[in-house]
Protein backbone atom coordinates (compact mmCIF):
# COMPACT_ATOMS: atom_id res chain seq x y z
CA MET A 1 -59.42 26.86 60.13
CA GLN A 2 -56.21 26.26 61.99
CA PHE A 3 -54.89 28.99 64.18
CA GLN A 4 -51.18 29.44 64.81
CA SER A 5 -49.85 31.46 67.69
CA VAL A 6 -47.03 33.88 67.31
CA PRO A 7 -43.77 32.38 68.51
CA LEU A 8 -42.31 33.91 71.62
CA LYS A 9 -39.22 35.95 71.55
CA SER A 10 -35.98 34.26 72.23
CA VAL A 11 -35.22 36.61 75.07
CA THR A 12 -35.02 34.59 78.28
CA ILE A 13 -35.69 36.49 81.43
CA GLY A 14 -36.94 33.95 83.97
CA PRO A 15 -35.14 30.84 85.24
CA GLN A 16 -35.09 27.52 83.30
CA SER A 17 -37.25 25.63 85.86
CA TRP A 18 -39.95 28.25 85.58
CA ARG A 19 -39.92 27.85 81.79
CA ASP A 20 -39.97 24.02 81.94
CA GLY A 21 -42.96 23.98 84.29
CA THR A 22 -44.88 26.18 81.90
CA VAL A 23 -44.03 23.93 78.96
CA ARG A 24 -45.23 20.85 80.85
CA SER A 25 -48.50 22.60 81.67
CA ILE A 26 -48.99 23.50 78.01
CA ARG A 27 -48.31 19.91 76.89
CA ARG A 28 -50.72 18.55 79.47
CA ALA A 29 -53.40 20.93 78.22
CA GLU A 30 -52.74 19.88 74.63
CA ARG A 31 -53.16 16.21 75.50
CA LEU A 32 -56.41 16.90 77.32
CA VAL A 33 -57.71 18.96 74.38
CA GLN A 34 -56.84 16.16 71.95
CA GLN A 35 -58.56 13.54 74.14
CA THR A 36 -61.73 15.56 74.58
CA ARG A 37 -62.02 16.82 70.98
CA ALA A 38 -60.94 13.64 69.13
CA GLY A 39 -64.55 12.53 68.50
CA ARG A 40 -65.44 15.73 66.58
CA SER A 41 -64.67 16.28 62.92
CA GLY A 42 -63.46 19.83 63.42
CA THR A 43 -60.91 18.90 66.08
CA CYS A 44 -58.38 17.39 63.77
CA SER A 45 -56.42 20.63 63.68
CA ARG A 46 -53.88 21.39 66.30
CA PRO A 47 -54.96 23.63 69.16
CA ARG A 48 -54.06 27.25 69.32
CA SER A 49 -51.61 26.75 72.13
CA SER A 50 -49.65 24.07 70.31
CA SER A 51 -47.61 26.55 68.32
CA ALA A 52 -46.87 28.49 71.40
CA ALA A 53 -45.69 25.41 73.14
CA ALA A 54 -43.73 24.52 70.07
CA GLY A 55 -42.18 27.96 70.13
CA LEU A 56 -41.14 27.44 73.70
CA ILE A 57 -39.58 24.07 72.91
CA PRO A 58 -36.09 24.27 71.51
CA GLN A 59 -36.16 23.30 67.85
CA ARG A 60 -33.56 22.08 65.45
CA SER A 61 -32.48 24.02 62.49
CA ASP A 62 -34.28 21.60 60.05
CA GLY A 63 -37.57 21.58 62.07
CA THR A 64 -37.88 17.76 62.43
CA ALA A 65 -39.54 17.85 65.85
CA GLU A 66 -42.45 19.92 64.70
CA THR A 67 -42.93 17.79 61.59
CA ASN A 68 -43.15 14.55 63.59
CA GLU A 69 -45.71 16.00 65.95
CA ASP A 70 -47.82 17.20 63.06
CA LYS A 71 -47.73 13.80 61.42
CA THR A 72 -48.68 12.06 64.67
CA ALA A 73 -51.58 14.44 65.22
CA GLU A 74 -52.82 14.00 61.66
CA GLU A 75 -52.67 10.20 61.93
CA LYS A 76 -54.60 10.26 65.19
CA CYS A 77 -57.16 12.58 63.67
CA GLY A 78 -57.60 10.27 60.64
CA GLU A 79 -58.01 7.21 62.82
CA SER A 80 -60.58 8.92 65.00
CA ARG A 81 -62.49 10.08 61.90
CA ASP A 82 -62.58 6.54 60.45
CA SER A 83 -63.73 5.05 63.75
CA ILE A 84 -66.50 7.64 64.05
CA TYR A 85 -67.64 6.93 60.47
CA GLU A 86 -67.70 3.18 61.09
CA ASN A 87 -69.62 3.65 64.34
CA LYS A 88 -72.22 5.71 62.52
CA LEU A 89 -72.66 3.12 59.77
CA SER A 90 -72.91 0.12 62.07
CA MET A 91 -76.19 -0.33 63.98
CA PRO A 92 -75.88 -1.79 67.50
CA GLN A 93 -77.88 -4.97 68.13
CA THR A 94 -78.83 -4.19 71.71
CA THR A 95 -79.19 -1.17 73.87
CA GLY A 96 -76.45 -2.37 76.16
CA THR A 97 -74.08 -2.69 73.23
CA MET A 98 -74.93 0.82 72.04
CA LEU A 99 -74.43 2.29 75.50
CA ARG A 100 -71.14 0.47 75.89
CA ALA A 101 -70.09 1.84 72.51
CA LYS A 102 -71.17 5.37 73.46
CA PHE A 103 -70.01 5.30 77.09
CA PRO A 104 -66.84 3.21 77.36
CA SER A 105 -64.85 2.70 80.52
CA ALA A 106 -62.08 4.98 81.65
CA SER A 107 -59.38 2.76 80.12
CA GLN A 108 -61.10 2.82 76.70
CA ARG A 109 -62.18 6.46 76.75
CA THR A 110 -59.64 7.79 74.29
CA SER A 111 -61.53 8.95 71.18
CA VAL A 112 -65.25 9.10 72.22
CA ALA A 113 -66.97 12.10 73.70
CA PRO A 114 -68.13 11.70 77.32
CA PHE A 115 -71.77 12.54 76.40
CA PRO A 116 -74.36 10.68 74.20
CA PRO A 117 -75.38 12.08 70.83
CA THR A 118 -78.76 13.67 70.17
CA SER A 119 -80.01 10.47 68.33
CA LEU A 120 -79.74 8.21 71.38
CA ARG A 121 -83.51 7.62 71.64
CA GLU A 122 -83.79 6.64 67.96
CA GLN A 123 -80.81 4.33 68.24
CA CYS A 124 -82.25 2.71 71.39
CA ALA A 125 -85.60 2.22 69.62
CA ARG A 126 -83.91 0.66 66.58
CA ALA A 127 -81.86 -1.59 68.83
CA SER A 128 -85.01 -2.69 70.67
CA VAL A 129 -86.79 -3.44 67.38
CA ALA A 130 -83.75 -5.40 66.19
CA VAL A 131 -83.72 -7.39 69.42
CA ALA A 132 -87.45 -8.12 69.13
CA TYR A 133 -87.14 -9.14 65.45
CA GLU A 134 -84.16 -11.35 66.22
CA TYR A 135 -86.15 -13.01 69.00
CA MET A 136 -89.10 -13.45 66.62
CA ARG A 137 -86.89 -14.99 63.96
CA MET A 138 -85.47 -17.45 66.45
CA VAL A 139 -89.00 -18.22 67.69
CA ARG A 140 -90.05 -18.81 64.08
CA GLU A 141 -87.22 -21.30 63.65
CA VAL A 142 -88.22 -23.06 66.87
CA GLU A 143 -91.86 -23.08 65.73
CA GLY A 144 -90.85 -24.47 62.35
CA GLN A 145 -88.80 -27.19 64.00
CA LEU A 146 -91.72 -28.08 66.28
CA ARG A 147 -94.20 -28.18 63.39
CA ARG A 148 -91.82 -30.24 61.24
CA GLN A 149 -91.44 -32.69 64.09
CA ALA A 150 -95.24 -32.72 64.51
CA GLY A 151 -95.53 -33.50 60.80
CA MET A 152 -93.08 -36.38 61.19
CA VAL A 153 -95.10 -37.66 64.15
CA THR A 154 -98.31 -37.41 62.12
CA GLN A 155 -96.69 -39.21 59.19
CA GLU A 156 -95.46 -41.95 61.52
CA GLY A 157 -98.96 -42.18 62.98
CA THR A 158 -100.39 -42.62 59.46
CA LYS A 159 -97.92 -45.43 58.73
CA LEU A 160 -98.68 -47.07 62.07
CA GLU A 161 -102.40 -46.73 61.33
CA LYS A 162 -101.87 -48.67 58.10
CA GLU A 163 -100.07 -51.39 60.02
CA ARG A 164 -102.98 -51.45 62.48
CA GLY A 165 -105.33 -52.00 59.54
CA HIS A 166 -103.13 -54.87 58.36
CA LEU A 167 -103.22 -56.34 61.86
CA GLU A 168 -107.00 -56.13 62.05
CA ARG A 169 -107.31 -57.69 58.60
CA MET A 170 -104.97 -60.49 59.62
CA LEU A 171 -106.96 -61.04 62.81
CA ARG A 172 -110.16 -61.30 60.79
CA SER A 173 -108.41 -63.81 58.56
CA LEU A 174 -107.34 -65.82 61.61
CA LYS A 175 -110.88 -65.74 62.99
CA ASP A 176 -112.17 -66.97 59.64
CA GLY A 177 -109.52 -69.68 59.72
CA LEU A 178 -110.66 -70.77 63.18
CA THR A 179 -114.27 -70.82 61.97
CA VAL A 180 -113.28 -72.91 58.96
CA ASN A 181 -111.33 -75.26 61.22
CA ARG A 182 -114.32 -75.70 63.53
CA ARG A 183 -116.66 -76.31 60.59
CA SER A 184 -114.19 -78.82 59.15
CA SER A 185 -114.17 -80.75 62.42
CA GLU A 186 -117.96 -80.64 62.60
CA TRP A 187 -118.36 -81.80 59.01
CA ARG A 188 -116.03 -84.74 59.55
CA THR A 189 -118.34 -86.01 62.28
CA ARG A 190 -120.97 -86.65 59.59
CA ARG A 191 -119.18 -89.74 58.34
CA PRO A 192 -121.69 -92.57 58.57
CA ALA A 193 -119.96 -95.65 59.95
CA LEU A 194 -118.63 -95.92 63.46
CA ALA A 195 -115.27 -96.96 62.10
CA GLU A 196 -115.12 -93.78 60.03
CA THR A 197 -115.80 -91.45 62.97
CA ASP A 198 -112.76 -92.55 64.94
CA ARG A 199 -110.03 -89.93 65.34
CA ASP A 200 -107.37 -90.18 62.67
CA GLY A 201 -104.42 -88.18 61.33
CA ALA A 202 -106.65 -85.58 59.70
CA ASP A 203 -108.30 -84.85 63.05
CA TYR A 204 -104.87 -84.46 64.63
CA LEU A 205 -103.85 -82.05 61.88
CA LEU A 206 -107.01 -80.03 62.43
CA LEU A 207 -106.24 -79.88 66.15
CA CYS A 208 -102.69 -78.68 65.44
CA GLU A 209 -104.04 -76.05 63.05
CA ARG A 210 -106.52 -74.85 65.68
CA ARG A 211 -103.73 -74.48 68.26
CA GLU A 212 -101.50 -72.69 65.76
CA LEU A 213 -104.21 -70.23 64.75
CA ALA A 214 -105.14 -69.60 68.38
CA GLN A 215 -101.49 -68.83 69.23
CA LEU A 216 -101.18 -66.50 66.24
CA LYS A 217 -104.42 -64.77 67.20
CA GLN A 218 -103.16 -64.21 70.75
CA ASP A 219 -99.83 -62.79 69.53
CA LEU A 220 -101.47 -60.45 67.02
CA GLU A 221 -103.98 -59.24 69.59
CA GLY A 222 -101.07 -58.32 71.87
CA ALA A 223 -99.40 -56.49 68.97
CA LEU A 224 -102.69 -54.70 68.25
CA ARG A 225 -102.92 -53.52 71.86
CA ASN A 226 -99.35 -52.23 71.66
CA THR A 227 -100.19 -50.49 68.39
CA LEU A 228 -103.21 -48.74 69.89
CA THR A 229 -101.10 -47.63 72.86
CA GLN A 230 -98.39 -46.33 70.52
CA LEU A 231 -100.98 -44.48 68.44
CA GLN A 232 -102.24 -42.77 71.58
CA ALA A 233 -98.65 -41.83 72.48
CA LEU A 234 -98.10 -40.42 68.98
CA GLY A 235 -101.32 -38.43 69.23
CA GLN A 236 -100.33 -37.00 72.59
CA SER A 237 -96.84 -36.19 71.31
CA SER A 238 -98.25 -34.43 68.24
CA LYS A 239 -100.69 -32.45 70.38
CA ARG A 240 -97.89 -31.46 72.74
CA LEU A 241 -95.70 -30.33 69.84
CA LEU A 242 -98.53 -28.32 68.29
CA ASP A 243 -99.34 -26.75 71.65
CA CYS A 244 -95.70 -25.72 72.08
CA ALA A 245 -95.64 -24.39 68.50
CA SER A 246 -98.86 -22.43 69.07
CA GLU A 247 -97.46 -21.02 72.30
CA ARG A 248 -94.25 -20.02 70.52
CA ALA A 249 -96.23 -18.46 67.65
CA LEU A 250 -97.86 -15.91 69.97
CA VAL A 251 -95.07 -13.40 69.18
CA LEU A 252 -95.10 -13.87 65.38
CA GLU A 253 -98.12 -11.72 64.50
CA LEU A 254 -96.07 -8.67 63.38
CA LEU A 255 -93.31 -10.68 61.67
CA PRO A 256 -93.69 -10.93 57.87
CA HIS A 257 -94.23 -14.44 56.55
CA SER A 258 -91.78 -14.01 53.66
CA GLY A 259 -88.25 -13.11 54.61
CA SER A 260 -86.93 -11.83 57.89
CA ALA A 261 -86.89 -8.35 59.39
CA GLY A 262 -83.39 -7.69 58.16
CA GLY A 263 -84.15 -8.89 54.62
CA HIS A 264 -82.10 -12.10 54.96
CA GLN A 265 -83.63 -15.50 55.58
CA GLY A 266 -81.10 -17.57 57.49
CA ALA A 267 -80.87 -21.33 57.56
CA ALA A 268 -82.64 -23.34 60.23
CA GLN A 269 -80.65 -23.68 63.42
CA THR A 270 -80.32 -26.62 65.74
CA PHE A 271 -80.91 -25.41 69.25
CA THR A 272 -79.04 -27.13 72.05
CA LYS A 273 -79.14 -24.72 74.97
CA THR A 274 -82.43 -24.10 76.71
CA ASP A 275 -83.61 -21.21 78.81
CA PRO A 276 -87.09 -20.53 80.20
CA ILE A 277 -86.98 -16.98 78.74
CA SER A 278 -85.26 -17.86 75.47
CA PRO A 279 -86.99 -18.88 72.21
CA PHE A 280 -86.02 -22.51 72.85
CA THR A 281 -87.60 -23.36 76.21
CA PRO A 282 -87.09 -26.59 78.18
CA GLU A 283 -90.69 -27.56 77.36
CA CYS A 284 -89.90 -27.40 73.63
CA LYS A 285 -86.74 -29.46 74.09
CA GLN A 286 -88.58 -32.05 76.17
CA ALA A 287 -91.40 -32.22 73.60
CA LEU A 288 -88.89 -32.70 70.74
CA GLU A 289 -86.90 -35.36 72.60
CA SER A 290 -90.02 -37.27 73.70
CA SER A 291 -91.47 -37.11 70.18
CA THR A 292 -88.20 -38.37 68.69
CA LEU A 293 -88.19 -41.27 71.15
CA THR A 294 -91.84 -41.99 70.39
CA VAL A 295 -91.19 -41.95 66.63
CA ASN A 296 -88.26 -44.35 67.05
CA GLN A 297 -90.39 -46.67 69.16
CA SER A 298 -93.14 -46.51 66.56
CA HIS A 299 -90.64 -47.34 63.80
CA LEU A 300 -89.40 -50.38 65.73
CA LEU A 301 -92.98 -51.42 66.43
CA ARG A 302 -93.86 -51.17 62.72
CA GLU A 303 -90.88 -53.37 61.85
CA ASN A 304 -91.94 -55.91 64.49
CA ILE A 305 -95.52 -55.83 63.21
CA ARG A 306 -94.31 -56.36 59.64
CA GLU A 307 -92.24 -59.35 60.74
CA MET A 308 -95.13 -60.74 62.79
CA LEU A 309 -97.55 -60.36 59.89
CA THR A 310 -95.17 -62.02 57.46
CA SER A 311 -94.54 -64.87 59.90
CA ALA A 312 -98.26 -65.21 60.69
CA ILE A 313 -99.19 -65.39 57.00
CA ALA A 314 -96.51 -68.00 56.38
CA ARG A 315 -97.53 -70.07 59.41
CA GLN A 316 -101.23 -69.83 58.58
CA LYS A 317 -100.60 -70.88 55.01
CA ALA A 318 -98.37 -73.74 56.14
CA ALA A 319 -101.01 -74.99 58.60
CA HIS A 320 -103.77 -74.66 56.02
CA CYS A 321 -101.77 -76.47 53.34
CA THR A 322 -100.76 -79.19 55.81
CA VAL A 323 -104.38 -79.87 56.78
CA ASN A 324 -105.49 -79.82 53.16
CA ASP A 325 -102.70 -82.19 52.18
CA GLY A 326 -103.65 -84.47 55.06
CA LEU A 327 -107.28 -84.46 54.01
CA VAL A 328 -106.31 -85.14 50.40
CA LYS A 329 -104.19 -88.07 51.55
CA LYS A 330 -107.09 -89.25 53.68
CA VAL A 331 -109.43 -89.09 50.68
CA ALA A 332 -106.91 -90.93 48.51
CA GLU A 333 -106.49 -93.59 51.20
CA THR A 334 -110.25 -93.94 51.57
CA ILE A 335 -110.73 -94.27 47.82
CA SER A 336 -107.96 -96.86 47.67
CA LEU A 337 -109.59 -98.83 50.47
CA GLN A 338 -112.92 -98.46 48.72
CA GLN A 339 -111.45 -99.95 45.57
CA ASN A 340 -109.93 -102.82 47.56
CA LEU A 341 -113.28 -103.34 49.23
CA THR A 342 -114.95 -103.53 45.83
CA VAL A 343 -112.46 -106.16 44.68
CA ALA A 344 -112.86 -108.11 47.93
CA SER A 345 -116.63 -107.89 47.68
CA ALA A 346 -116.54 -109.26 44.15
CA ALA A 347 -114.26 -112.11 45.24
CA THR A 348 -116.56 -112.85 48.18
CA ARG A 349 -119.56 -112.88 45.87
CA GLN A 350 -117.82 -115.42 43.62
CA ALA A 351 -116.96 -117.51 46.69
CA VAL A 352 -120.61 -117.37 47.78
CA PHE A 353 -121.70 -118.62 44.40
CA ARG A 354 -119.13 -121.42 44.44
CA LYS A 355 -120.09 -122.42 47.97
CA GLN A 356 -123.74 -122.40 47.00
CA ARG A 357 -123.06 -124.77 44.10
CA GLU A 358 -121.02 -126.97 46.42
CA ILE A 359 -123.84 -127.06 48.93
CA ASN A 360 -126.25 -127.96 46.19
CA CYS A 361 -124.01 -130.84 45.14
CA ILE A 362 -123.60 -132.06 48.73
CA ARG A 363 -127.32 -131.86 49.36
CA HIS A 364 -127.95 -133.78 46.17
CA SER A 365 -125.42 -136.45 47.18
CA HIS A 366 -126.93 -136.65 50.64
CA ASN A 367 -130.35 -137.03 49.23
CA ARG A 368 -129.14 -139.75 46.89
CA ALA A 369 -127.42 -141.49 49.77
CA GLN A 370 -130.67 -141.51 51.74
CA GLY A 371 -132.34 -143.43 48.97
CA PRO A 372 -135.77 -142.98 47.48
CA GLU A 373 -138.65 -141.81 49.57
CA TYR A 374 -141.01 -144.54 48.19
CA SER A 375 -140.14 -148.23 48.50
CA GLY A 376 -141.40 -148.94 45.05
CA ASP A 377 -138.60 -146.80 43.64
CA ILE A 378 -135.87 -149.05 45.11
CA LEU A 379 -134.07 -151.07 42.50
CA SER A 380 -133.82 -154.84 42.83
CA ARG A 381 -130.05 -154.79 43.25
CA GLU A 382 -130.38 -152.30 46.10
CA LYS A 383 -132.77 -154.44 48.14
CA LEU A 384 -131.21 -156.17 51.18
CA ASN A 385 -133.82 -158.98 51.23
CA LYS A 386 -132.97 -160.39 47.87
CA PRO A 387 -132.30 -164.20 47.78
CA LEU A 388 -128.53 -163.90 47.39
CA VAL A 389 -128.19 -161.74 50.49
CA GLN A 390 -130.48 -163.96 52.52
CA VAL A 391 -128.52 -167.10 51.62
CA TYR A 392 -125.23 -165.27 52.41
CA GLN A 393 -126.42 -164.16 55.82
CA ARG A 394 -127.44 -167.64 57.06
CA HIS A 395 -124.15 -167.97 58.94
CA PRO A 396 -123.22 -165.56 61.73
CA GLY A 397 -120.65 -162.84 60.93
CA THR A 398 -121.47 -162.81 57.32
CA GLN A 399 -123.24 -159.39 57.38
CA LEU A 400 -122.74 -157.22 54.30
CA PRO A 401 -121.10 -153.70 54.95
CA GLU A 402 -123.47 -151.98 52.53
CA GLY A 403 -125.84 -150.69 55.17
CA ALA A 404 -123.05 -149.43 57.46
CA HIS A 405 -121.34 -147.66 54.56
CA LEU A 406 -124.56 -146.00 53.59
CA ILE A 407 -125.14 -144.85 57.14
CA GLN A 408 -121.58 -143.54 57.49
CA GLY A 409 -121.64 -141.80 54.10
CA SER A 410 -124.94 -140.20 54.90
CA ALA A 411 -123.54 -138.88 58.21
CA VAL A 412 -120.41 -137.50 56.48
CA LEU A 413 -122.49 -135.80 53.83
CA ARG A 414 -124.68 -134.31 56.53
CA ARG A 415 -121.65 -132.88 58.33
CA CYS A 416 -120.23 -131.51 55.09
CA LEU A 417 -123.56 -129.97 54.29
CA MET A 418 -123.77 -128.24 57.66
CA SER A 419 -120.18 -126.99 57.36
CA ALA A 420 -120.77 -125.69 53.86
CA GLU A 421 -123.92 -123.94 54.93
CA GLY A 422 -122.03 -122.28 57.81
CA GLU A 423 -119.28 -121.14 55.44
CA LEU A 424 -121.87 -119.81 53.05
CA ALA A 425 -123.49 -117.81 55.84
CA ARG A 426 -120.12 -116.37 56.87
CA LEU A 427 -119.33 -115.47 53.27
CA GLN A 428 -122.64 -113.74 52.92
CA ARG A 429 -122.12 -111.80 56.15
CA ALA A 430 -118.59 -110.86 55.05
CA ARG A 431 -119.91 -109.67 51.72
CA LEU A 432 -122.59 -107.60 53.41
CA GLN A 433 -119.96 -106.13 55.73
CA LEU A 434 -117.74 -105.32 52.76
CA LEU A 435 -120.62 -103.64 51.01
CA ASP A 436 -121.46 -101.65 54.13
CA ASP A 437 -117.80 -100.68 54.59
CA GLN A 438 -117.63 -99.73 50.94
CA ARG A 439 -120.63 -97.44 51.28
CA GLY A 440 -119.10 -95.93 54.44
CA LYS A 441 -115.79 -95.32 52.67
CA SER A 442 -117.58 -93.68 49.78
CA ALA A 443 -119.55 -91.41 52.13
CA ALA A 444 -116.42 -90.59 54.16
CA ALA A 445 -114.48 -89.72 50.99
CA GLN A 446 -117.34 -87.50 49.89
CA VAL A 447 -117.41 -85.73 53.27
CA ASP A 448 -113.64 -85.17 53.25
CA ALA A 449 -113.84 -83.90 49.66
CA ASP A 450 -116.57 -81.47 50.71
CA VAL A 451 -114.40 -80.33 53.63
CA ILE A 452 -111.45 -79.71 51.31
CA ARG A 453 -113.66 -77.80 48.87
CA MET A 454 -115.14 -75.72 51.69
CA ARG A 455 -111.70 -74.92 53.13
CA ARG A 456 -110.37 -73.81 49.77
CA GLN A 457 -113.41 -71.67 49.06
CA GLN A 458 -113.49 -70.01 52.49
CA VAL A 459 -109.79 -69.49 53.17
CA ASP A 460 -108.80 -68.36 49.69
CA ARG A 461 -111.21 -65.42 49.91
CA ARG A 462 -109.05 -63.56 52.44
CA ALA A 463 -107.37 -60.46 51.00
CA MET A 464 -103.94 -59.50 52.32
CA PRO A 465 -101.51 -56.91 50.87
CA ALA A 466 -99.32 -58.15 48.07
CA PHE A 467 -96.04 -57.16 49.75
CA LEU A 468 -96.96 -59.19 52.84
CA GLN A 469 -97.82 -62.19 50.68
CA GLN A 470 -94.49 -61.84 48.84
CA GLY A 471 -92.62 -61.54 52.13
CA ALA A 472 -94.33 -64.68 53.42
CA CYS A 473 -93.41 -66.54 50.23
CA ARG A 474 -89.77 -65.44 50.54
CA SER A 475 -89.68 -66.54 54.18
CA GLN A 476 -91.07 -69.95 53.23
CA LEU A 477 -88.48 -70.36 50.48
CA ALA A 478 -85.72 -69.31 52.86
């Protein structure tokens, strides 16, 4: 209810300065009353002394001055009522904010009462709960980020563990390859002849394969050591992240798992600023950064391992195929030589038979040139004491050349016989050597064929992933 004072009489007794001082005092009191009672709903009416002051103020005949003051007072009262209603609806987030809203500074103290309301304790408690829930929500986001990063680290560790398995499988394959190479070299020493045991191109290829496999084994062992070290780093990083997440989760026991305290689930935040007393501590930031660096290093290591495995498979296959091709060429060369030896042996055998017939003819001629062994078998025309020869030889120098020719022919036949027998012996020795060499070539070809069969059976049993085999094939084609 608005009270209006009775206007004063227009009779002026005192001086004008006395009246003006009184009016100023009344206006000052009105301003103070408006400032102190603006925060209350019942203070929107004008004070009791306002009409009196208005009666003291000279007014126009249309009353415009009083109407403007009423409008200004009503507007101020409406604004103060709206601000009070909004302040009641809005809940302060912190106690400091609530106290600043309830107890403003002197420059802002225009429409708020200089004393707290009766619900200050409840509002402080609600503000504290809101602060705690907000802290818990932020801690939950930090914990979720830490656990997601730990999951990524675990996933990267699983992938790196698979690559470690591939490395170990490849190392076993290389060890089997070295064993096969050593057995191949040992088997090739079983070739019978001394000429077949000399070092040849196949032995050089086996030596090159051994060096290549040893180099690949050394490189992959170094990569395996790096992989084990990286797996340990990933395990430590995951443990550190989970420890930080467990430490952060100590304040999440009273926070519901579904939804937030305010009924709104916000999106995950990316924390950049750290504070030892904030939800995102420097330890959490360091753990996240170190885990990210470790994951990147592990990714690069997996790519290097994949490239090394692909290159190792291609190089191992190339060395294996090169040695096998060399051994196949060696077998083909040995078989070709064996065939040539067979032809040469047959030709030598024919030459032996021809030389034997020639020797038989020479021996027969020599025997005929020697004459009969019994003197009764000599024909009359062959005797040198027949009457015609005796009459012819009565004069000196009339000796017949028959005896000298027989002696010379017998000597020539003897020399031819000895030469033919020597040639026959050489032909027989050459044929025996050809036969021996032929048997050696056959045995050597059999040994090399067994080596090739053993290498194909042993090396082809290794099992490598299909994608690595395809990558090795693509690298060989490129």
